[in-house]
C-alpha atoms as a PDB file:
ATOM      1  CA  MET A   1       1.587 131.124 115.904  1.00  0.00           C
ATOM      2  CA  GLY A   2      -0.829 129.949 118.534  1.00  0.00           C
ATOM      3  CA  ARG A   3       1.669 126.492 119.585  1.00  0.00           C
ATOM      4  CA  GLY A   4       1.674 128.260 123.975  1.00  0.00           C
ATOM      5  CA  ARG A   5      -1.675 126.549 124.414  1.00  0.00           C
ATOM      6  CA  ALA A   6      -0.256 123.248 122.986  1.00  0.00           C
ATOM      7  CA  LYS A   7       2.672 123.983 124.912  1.00  0.00           C
ATOM      8  CA  ALA A   8       1.280 124.858 128.164  1.00  0.00           C
ATOM      9  CA  LYS A   9      -0.686 121.046 127.987  1.00  0.00           C
ATOM     10  CA  GLN A  10       2.341 119.012 127.262  1.00  0.00           C
ATOM     11  CA  THR A  11       4.625 121.021 130.432  1.00  0.00           C
ATOM     12  CA  LYS A  12       1.560 119.579 132.768  1.00  0.00           C
ATOM     13  CA  VAL A  13       1.207 116.369 131.575  1.00  0.00           C
ATOM     14  CA  ALA A  14       5.033 116.110 131.572  1.00  0.00           C
ATOM     15  CA  ARG A  15       5.319 117.670 134.685  1.00  0.00           C
ATOM     16  CA  GLU A  16       2.086 115.286 136.020  1.00  0.00           C
ATOM     17  CA  LEU A  17       4.292 112.068 134.866  1.00  0.00           C
ATOM     18  CA  LYS A  18       7.036 113.363 136.697  1.00  0.00           C
ATOM     19  CA  TYR A  19       6.289 114.069 139.968  1.00  0.00           C
ATOM     20  CA  SER A  20       3.834 110.874 139.925  1.00  0.00           C
ATOM     21  CA  SER A  21       4.255 107.973 142.606  1.00  0.00           C
ATOM     22  CA  PRO A  22       2.024 105.880 141.269  1.00  0.00           C
ATOM     23  CA  SER A  23       1.006 103.065 143.721  1.00  0.00           C
ATOM     24  CA  MET A  24       1.859  99.494 142.022  1.00  0.00           C
ATOM     25  CA  ASP A  25      -0.563  96.275 141.844  1.00  0.00           C
ATOM     26  CA  LEU A  26       2.077  93.639 141.079  1.00  0.00           C
ATOM     27  CA  ASP A  27      -0.632  91.515 140.995  1.00  0.00           C
ATOM     28  CA  ALA A  28      -2.574  92.921 138.249  1.00  0.00           C
ATOM     29  CA  LEU A  29       0.035  93.085 136.764  1.00  0.00           C
ATOM     30  CA  GLN A  30       0.722  89.521 136.964  1.00  0.00           C
ATOM     31  CA  ALA A  31      -2.702  88.881 136.147  1.00  0.00           C
ATOM     32  CA  GLU A  32      -2.091  91.338 133.080  1.00  0.00           C
ATOM     33  CA  ILE A  33       1.034  88.771 131.724  1.00  0.00           C
ATOM     34  CA  GLY A  34      -1.663  86.105 132.655  1.00  0.00           C
ATOM     35  CA  SER A  35       1.159  84.861 134.845  1.00  0.00           C
ATOM     36  CA  GLY A  36      -0.983  81.902 137.079  1.00  0.00           C
ATOM     37  CA  THR A  37       2.358  81.289 138.875  1.00  0.00           C
ATOM     38  CA  ALA A  38       5.497  83.105 139.642  1.00  0.00           C
ATOM     39  CA  VAL A  39       8.159  81.569 138.028  1.00  0.00           C
ATOM     40  CA  THR A  40      11.477  82.385 139.915  1.00  0.00           C
ATOM     41  CA  THR A  41      15.100  80.331 138.357  1.00  0.00           C
ATOM     42  CA  ASP A  42      18.270  80.698 141.016  1.00  0.00           C
ATOM     43  CA  ASN A  43      21.249  79.861 138.896  1.00  0.00           C
ATOM     44  CA  ARG A  44      23.403  80.393 141.305  1.00  0.00           C
ATOM     45  CA  ASP A  45      25.190  77.486 141.546  1.00  0.00           C
ATOM     46  CA  ASP A  46      25.103  76.918 138.041  1.00  0.00           C
ATOM     47  CA  GLU A  47      27.281  79.216 135.741  1.00  0.00           C
ATOM     48  CA  TYR A  48      25.217  78.578 132.879  1.00  0.00           C
ATOM     49  CA  GLY A  49      22.254  77.434 133.806  1.00  0.00           C
ATOM     50  CA  GLU A  50      20.263  75.618 131.039  1.00  0.00           C
ATOM     51  CA  TYR A  51      23.019  76.014 128.455  1.00  0.00           C
ATOM     52  CA  GLY A  52      25.468  74.518 130.627  1.00  0.00           C
ATOM     53  CA  ASP A  53      26.312  71.616 128.196  1.00  0.00           C
ATOM     54  CA  LEU A  54      26.619  73.455 125.487  1.00  0.00           C
ATOM     55  CA  ALA A  55      29.262  76.537 127.610  1.00  0.00           C
ATOM     56  CA  ALA A  56      30.910  73.259 127.821  1.00  0.00           C
ATOM     57  CA  LYS A  57      31.379  72.486 124.757  1.00  0.00           C
ATOM     58  CA  TYR A  58      32.079  75.806 123.337  1.00  0.00           C
ATOM     59  CA  ASN A  59      34.725  76.016 126.901  1.00  0.00           C
ATOM     60  CA  ASP A  60      36.578  72.981 126.237  1.00  0.00           C
ATOM     61  CA  GLU A  61      40.076  75.524 125.362  1.00  0.00           C
ATOM     62  CA  VAL A  62      42.725  76.461 128.318  1.00  0.00           C
ATOM     63  CA  ASP A  63      42.554  79.689 129.536  1.00  0.00           C
ATOM     64  CA  ASP A  64      46.600  80.365 129.948  1.00  0.00           C
ATOM     65  CA  SER A  65      45.221  83.141 132.154  1.00  0.00           C
ATOM     66  CA  ARG A  66      43.716  81.102 134.745  1.00  0.00           C
ATOM     67  CA  ARG A  67      47.399  78.930 135.698  1.00  0.00           C
END
């Protein structure tokens, strides 16, 4: 017995987490992570990115379904 107050507090905290919409400070998050600059990699032209040479090594087999 005596679990009613603890359960009520858990329910209150759960509701606050579920229905709150905190503002997100992306600059502070970036500073906390330690990244001074944003790093973006856009390798849409290169299918395998920086691992293209390694992928080419293992993709030497001809795919018969593409013929």
